[in-house]
Amino acid sequence: MAKYIIDTVTGTCDPYIENMQETNGEKLYRLFKQHEGAKEYEGIVNKIQTWYYGSLVRAPWCATAVSYFMNQIGVKIKSENVNILRLDCKKLAEIHKVGSFYDRTGNGLPNTIKRGDILFWLWSGDKMSNTSNKHVGVCAEDTSKDSNVIPCIGGNQDNRICIKNYDTRKLYAVYRL
């Protein structure tokens, strides 16, 4: 007989798999998925903004959402800027040996982008900076880097938490927990 985990708060029902080691990336994806559809500055988004700023601040929130959910799975990182979050993830991988970091300007992107990978997008230009046009989210399903698009779940996507397909050519960096 099949077993399920029922979360009465979020209304989710997930299969229970014994002895399965869930990766931190899968946990991160699942947290976003549980809140899919949450609208800008309501519910969990209000909670994320309050966690970061101390009160609701109507500011871009893709990086604060990723930071919030990373903290929920035990990865202590906190940033409101995509580039600073990218640099912090790179430091976690290179200095603290937590996860793996890939970028198109250094060691190259991985051949497969895996569900749960943190994806850093650069919309214009060749180099990401604190002021460049950018975004961060979490890969929603395993995808070849040769694919035209990568499905990404994240915050501040159409003013809510949702899955969107993004052009693979705009992928700048990947952090794999």
C-alpha atoms as a PDB file:
ATOM      1  CA  MET A   1       0.000   0.000   0.000  1.00  0.00           C
ATOM      2  CA  ALA A   2       1.345   3.437  -0.942  1.00  0.00           C
ATOM      3  CA  LYS A   3       2.238   5.941   1.770  1.00  0.00           C
ATOM      4  CA  TYR A   4       1.921   9.721   1.496  1.00  0.00           C
ATOM      5  CA  ILE A   5       3.004  12.775   3.448  1.00  0.00           C
ATOM      6  CA  ILE A   6       0.087  15.183   3.819  1.00  0.00           C
ATOM      7  CA  ASP A   7       0.828  18.785   4.758  1.00  0.00           C
ATOM      8  CA  THR A   8      -2.405  20.261   6.077  1.00  0.00           C
ATOM      9  CA  VAL A   9      -0.955  23.793   6.148  1.00  0.00           C
ATOM     10  CA  THR A  10       0.055  23.964   2.478  1.00  0.00           C
ATOM     11  CA  GLY A  11      -2.478  21.425   1.234  1.00  0.00           C
ATOM     12  CA  THR A  12       0.161  19.283  -0.457  1.00  0.00           C
ATOM     13  CA  CYS A  13       0.306  15.503  -0.719  1.00  0.00           C
ATOM     14  CA  ASP A  14       3.678  13.968  -1.574  1.00  0.00           C
ATOM     15  CA  PRO A  15       4.629  10.303  -1.917  1.00  0.00           C
ATOM     16  CA  TYR A  16       6.580   8.923   1.031  1.00  0.00           C
ATOM     17  CA  ILE A  17       9.663   7.056  -0.085  1.00  0.00           C
ATOM     18  CA  GLU A  18      11.580   5.197   2.597  1.00  0.00           C
ATOM     19  CA  ASN A  19      15.361   5.435   2.677  1.00  0.00           C
ATOM     20  CA  MET A  20      15.393   8.079  -0.034  1.00  0.00           C
ATOM     21  CA  GLN A  21      17.968  10.755   0.597  1.00  0.00           C
ATOM     22  CA  GLU A  22      16.490  14.023  -0.583  1.00  0.00           C
ATOM     23  CA  THR A  23      19.175  16.447  -1.738  1.00  0.00           C
ATOM     24  CA  ASN A  24      19.202  20.031  -0.540  1.00  0.00           C
ATOM     25  CA  GLY A  25      18.418  21.075  -4.099  1.00  0.00           C
ATOM     26  CA  GLU A  26      15.311  18.887  -4.124  1.00  0.00           C
ATOM     27  CA  LYS A  27      14.287  20.320  -0.748  1.00  0.00           C
ATOM     28  CA  LEU A  28      14.727  23.840  -2.114  1.00  0.00           C
ATOM     29  CA  TYR A  29      12.616  23.026  -5.178  1.00  0.00           C
ATOM     30  CA  ARG A  30       9.918  21.457  -2.981  1.00  0.00           C
ATOM     31  CA  LEU A  31       9.705  24.559  -0.762  1.00  0.00           C
ATOM     32  CA  PHE A  32       9.156  26.777  -3.787  1.00  0.00           C
ATOM     33  CA  LYS A  33       6.659  24.286  -5.236  1.00  0.00           C
ATOM     34  CA  GLN A  34       4.652  24.298  -1.989  1.00  0.00           C
ATOM     35  CA  HIS A  35       4.159  28.032  -2.389  1.00  0.00           C
ATOM     36  CA  GLU A  36       3.569  28.101  -6.146  1.00  0.00           C
ATOM     37  CA  GLY A  37       0.963  30.715  -6.981  1.00  0.00           C
ATOM     38  CA  ALA A  38       1.709  32.927  -3.962  1.00  0.00           C
ATOM     39  CA  LYS A  39       1.200  36.528  -5.051  1.00  0.00           C
ATOM     40  CA  GLU A  40       3.514  39.434  -4.636  1.00  0.00           C
ATOM     41  CA  TYR A  41       3.638  40.812  -1.095  1.00  0.00           C
ATOM     42  CA  GLU A  42       0.931  38.475   0.266  1.00  0.00           C
ATOM     43  CA  GLY A  43       1.250  35.380   2.472  1.00  0.00           C
ATOM     44  CA  ILE A  44       4.689  33.755   2.195  1.00  0.00           C
ATOM     45  CA  VAL A  45       6.035  36.683   0.170  1.00  0.00           C
ATOM     46  CA  ASN A  46       5.153  39.056   3.016  1.00  0.00           C
ATOM     47  CA  LYS A  47       6.894  36.613   5.386  1.00  0.00           C
ATOM     48  CA  ILE A  48      10.009  36.533   3.165  1.00  0.00           C
ATOM     49  CA  GLN A  49      10.184  40.339   2.997  1.00  0.00           C
ATOM     50  CA  THR A  50       9.653  40.647   6.762  1.00  0.00           C
ATOM     51  CA  TRP A  51      12.372  38.020   7.392  1.00  0.00           C
ATOM     52  CA  TYR A  52      14.839  39.975   5.293  1.00  0.00           C
ATOM     53  CA  TYR A  53      13.952  43.616   6.007  1.00  0.00           C
ATOM     54  CA  GLY A  54      12.112  43.413   9.339  1.00  0.00           C
ATOM     55  CA  SER A  55       8.882  44.562   7.698  1.00  0.00           C
ATOM     56  CA  LEU A  56       7.125  44.363   4.349  1.00  0.00           C
ATOM     57  CA  VAL A  57       9.191  46.233   1.769  1.00  0.00           C
ATOM     58  CA  ARG A  58       7.915  46.407  -1.780  1.00  0.00           C
ATOM     59  CA  ALA A  59      11.238  45.622  -3.431  1.00  0.00           C
ATOM     60  CA  PRO A  60      12.332  43.013  -5.997  1.00  0.00           C
ATOM     61  CA  TRP A  61      12.260  39.685  -4.198  1.00  0.00           C
ATOM     62  CA  CYS A  62      13.713  36.875  -6.319  1.00  0.00           C
ATOM     63  CA  ALA A  63      17.005  36.838  -4.357  1.00  0.00           C
ATOM     64  CA  THR A  64      15.343  37.273  -0.969  1.00  0.00           C
ATOM     65  CA  ALA A  65      13.014  34.337  -1.776  1.00  0.00           C
ATOM     66  CA  VAL A  66      15.935  32.059  -2.703  1.00  0.00           C
ATOM     67  CA  SER A  67      17.831  33.215   0.418  1.00  0.00           C
ATOM     68  CA  TYR A  68      14.799  32.597   2.641  1.00  0.00           C
ATOM     69  CA  PHE A  69      14.213  29.070   1.375  1.00  0.00           C
ATOM     70  CA  MET A  70      17.952  28.276   1.507  1.00  0.00           C
ATOM     71  CA  ASN A  71      17.848  29.196   5.193  1.00  0.00           C
ATOM     72  CA  GLN A  72      14.820  26.946   5.652  1.00  0.00           C
ATOM     73  CA  ILE A  73      16.928  23.964   4.528  1.00  0.00           C
ATOM     74  CA  GLY A  74      19.877  24.977   6.720  1.00  0.00           C
ATOM     75  CA  VAL A  75      22.088  26.867   4.245  1.00  0.00           C
ATOM     76  CA  LYS A  76      22.809  30.163   5.988  1.00  0.00           C
ATOM     77  CA  ILE A  77      22.927  32.808   3.295  1.00  0.00           C
ATOM     78  CA  LYS A  78      21.071  36.115   3.071  1.00  0.00           C
ATOM     79  CA  SER A  79      20.981  38.522   0.150  1.00  0.00           C
ATOM     80  CA  GLU A  80      18.607  40.832  -1.662  1.00  0.00           C
ATOM     81  CA  ASN A  81      20.832  41.283  -4.743  1.00  0.00           C
ATOM     82  CA  VAL A  82      21.161  38.513  -7.336  1.00  0.00           C
ATOM     83  CA  ASN A  83      24.835  39.187  -8.004  1.00  0.00           C
ATOM     84  CA  ILE A  84      25.765  39.250  -4.318  1.00  0.00           C
ATOM     85  CA  LEU A  85      23.827  35.997  -3.836  1.00  0.00           C
ATOM     86  CA  ARG A  86      25.740  34.523  -6.801  1.00  0.00           C
ATOM     87  CA  LEU A  87      29.080  35.545  -5.289  1.00  0.00           C
ATOM     88  CA  ASP A  88      28.052  34.156  -1.877  1.00  0.00           C
ATOM     89  CA  CYS A  89      27.092  30.819  -3.491  1.00  0.00           C
ATOM     90  CA  LYS A  90      30.407  30.756  -5.345  1.00  0.00           C
ATOM     91  CA  LYS A  91      32.215  31.350  -2.042  1.00  0.00           C
ATOM     92  CA  LEU A  92      30.229  28.532  -0.380  1.00  0.00           C
ATOM     93  CA  ALA A  93      31.354  26.135  -3.110  1.00  0.00           C
ATOM     94  CA  GLU A  94      34.976  27.242  -3.528  1.00  0.00           C
ATOM     95  CA  ILE A  95      36.017  28.164   0.006  1.00  0.00           C
ATOM     96  CA  HIS A  96      33.657  26.215   2.265  1.00  0.00           C
ATOM     97  CA  LYS A  97      33.268  23.193  -0.068  1.00  0.00           C
ATOM     98  CA  VAL A  98      29.459  23.314   0.131  1.00  0.00           C
ATOM     99  CA  GLY A  99      27.966  22.395  -3.243  1.00  0.00           C
ATOM    100  CA  SER A 100      29.334  23.074  -6.724  1.00  0.00           C
ATOM    101  CA  PHE A 101      29.433  26.331  -8.637  1.00  0.00           C
ATOM    102  CA  TYR A 102      29.492  26.696 -12.417  1.00  0.00           C
ATOM    103  CA  ASP A 103      29.508  29.758 -14.630  1.00  0.00           C
ATOM    104  CA  ARG A 104      29.823  30.502 -18.284  1.00  0.00           C
ATOM    105  CA  THR A 105      32.883  32.718 -17.791  1.00  0.00           C
ATOM    106  CA  GLY A 106      34.882  30.293 -15.611  1.00  0.00           C
ATOM    107  CA  ASN A 107      34.622  26.515 -15.535  1.00  0.00           C
ATOM    108  CA  GLY A 108      31.592  26.430 -17.865  1.00  0.00           C
ATOM    109  CA  LEU A 109      28.016  25.365 -17.240  1.00  0.00           C
ATOM    110  CA  PRO A 110      27.177  21.735 -16.420  1.00  0.00           C
ATOM    111  CA  ASN A 111      25.869  19.529 -19.247  1.00  0.00           C
ATOM    112  CA  THR A 112      22.668  18.837 -17.332  1.00  0.00           C
ATOM    113  CA  ILE A 113      20.896  21.442 -15.264  1.00  0.00           C
ATOM    114  CA  LYS A 114      19.250  19.504 -12.412  1.00  0.00           C
ATOM    115  CA  ARG A 115      16.001  20.142 -10.594  1.00  0.00           C
ATOM    116  CA  GLY A 116      16.914  22.103  -7.486  1.00  0.00           C
ATOM    117  CA  ASP A 117      19.930  23.870  -9.016  1.00  0.00           C
ATOM    118  CA  ILE A 118      19.979  27.596  -8.295  1.00  0.00           C
ATOM    119  CA  LEU A 119      20.045  29.400 -11.635  1.00  0.00           C
ATOM    120  CA  PHE A 120      21.443  32.871 -12.177  1.00  0.00           C
ATOM    121  CA  TRP A 121      20.171  34.642 -15.311  1.00  0.00           C
ATOM    122  CA  LEU A 122      21.760  37.655 -17.008  1.00  0.00           C
ATOM    123  CA  TRP A 123      19.283  39.379 -19.323  1.00  0.00           C
ATOM    124  CA  SER A 124      21.751  41.693 -21.073  1.00  0.00           C
ATOM    125  CA  GLY A 125      25.491  42.169 -21.291  1.00  0.00           C
ATOM    126  CA  ASP A 126      28.381  39.765 -20.793  1.00  0.00           C
ATOM    127  CA  LYS A 127      29.264  40.278 -17.132  1.00  0.00           C
ATOM    128  CA  MET A 128      26.976  40.209 -14.124  1.00  0.00           C
ATOM    129  CA  SER A 129      27.260  43.086 -11.667  1.00  0.00           C
ATOM    130  CA  ASN A 130      25.187  44.418  -8.791  1.00  0.00           C
ATOM    131  CA  THR A 131      23.396  46.787 -11.170  1.00  0.00           C
ATOM    132  CA  SER A 132      22.941  44.552 -14.234  1.00  0.00           C
ATOM    133  CA  ASN A 133      19.541  43.268 -15.373  1.00  0.00           C
ATOM    134  CA  LYS A 134      19.373  39.794 -13.781  1.00  0.00           C
ATOM    135  CA  HIS A 135      17.251  37.168 -12.035  1.00  0.00           C
ATOM    136  CA  VAL A 136      17.644  34.084  -9.827  1.00  0.00           C
ATOM    137  CA  GLY A 137      15.423  31.038  -9.426  1.00  0.00           C
ATOM    138  CA  VAL A 138      15.501  27.252  -9.047  1.00  0.00           C
ATOM    139  CA  CYS A 139      15.508  24.689 -11.839  1.00  0.00           C
ATOM    140  CA  ALA A 140      12.110  22.971 -12.002  1.00  0.00           C
ATOM    141  CA  GLU A 141      13.161  19.869 -13.988  1.00  0.00           C
ATOM    142  CA  ASP A 142      16.337  18.232 -15.271  1.00  0.00           C
ATOM    143  CA  THR A 143      17.272  19.882 -18.562  1.00  0.00           C
ATOM    144  CA  SER A 144      20.187  19.635 -20.984  1.00  0.00           C
ATOM    145  CA  LYS A 145      22.180  22.841 -21.326  1.00  0.00           C
ATOM    146  CA  ASP A 146      21.633  22.353 -25.083  1.00  0.00           C
ATOM    147  CA  SER A 147      17.865  22.788 -24.640  1.00  0.00           C
ATOM    148  CA  ASN A 148      16.325  26.059 -25.837  1.00  0.00           C
ATOM    149  CA  VAL A 149      14.650  26.765 -22.485  1.00  0.00           C
ATOM    150  CA  ILE A 150      15.006  25.794 -18.847  1.00  0.00           C
ATOM    151  CA  PRO A 151      11.943  25.717 -16.595  1.00  0.00           C
ATOM    152  CA  CYS A 152      12.607  27.759 -13.477  1.00  0.00           C
ATOM    153  CA  ILE A 153      10.536  28.188 -10.331  1.00  0.00           C
ATOM    154  CA  GLY A 154      11.138  31.291  -8.321  1.00  0.00           C
ATOM    155  CA  GLY A 155       9.878  34.447  -6.761  1.00  0.00           C
ATOM    156  CA  ASN A 156       9.098  37.699  -8.520  1.00  0.00           C
ATOM    157  CA  GLN A 157       8.213  35.875 -11.733  1.00  0.00           C
ATOM    158  CA  ASP A 158       5.055  37.551 -13.073  1.00  0.00           C
ATOM    159  CA  ASN A 159       4.665  39.043  -9.564  1.00  0.00           C
ATOM    160  CA  ARG A 160       4.257  35.628  -7.928  1.00  0.00           C
ATOM    161  CA  ILE A 161       5.977  32.318  -7.255  1.00  0.00           C
ATOM    162  CA  CYS A 162       5.583  30.292 -10.424  1.00  0.00           C
ATOM    163  CA  ILE A 163       7.376  28.232 -13.051  1.00  0.00           C
ATOM    164  CA  LYS A 164       8.548  30.028 -16.187  1.00  0.00           C
ATOM    165  CA  ASN A 165      10.657  28.889 -19.105  1.00  0.00           C
ATOM    166  CA  TYR A 166      13.786  30.976 -19.635  1.00  0.00           C
ATOM    167  CA  ASP A 167      16.100  31.116 -22.622  1.00  0.00           C
ATOM    168  CA  THR A 168      19.092  28.877 -21.945  1.00  0.00           C
ATOM    169  CA  ARG A 169      21.371  31.400 -23.690  1.00  0.00           C
ATOM    170  CA  LYS A 170      20.719  33.818 -20.792  1.00  0.00           C
ATOM    171  CA  LEU A 171      21.873  31.346 -18.118  1.00  0.00           C
ATOM    172  CA  TYR A 172      24.941  32.880 -16.472  1.00  0.00           C
ATOM    173  CA  ALA A 173      25.724  30.629 -13.489  1.00  0.00           C
ATOM    174  CA  VAL A 174      24.516  27.536 -11.638  1.00  0.00           C
ATOM    175  CA  TYR A 175      24.907  26.666  -7.957  1.00  0.00           C
ATOM    176  CA  ARG A 176      24.228  23.024  -7.142  1.00  0.00           C
ATOM    177  CA  LEU A 177      23.662  22.367  -3.425  1.00  0.00           C
END
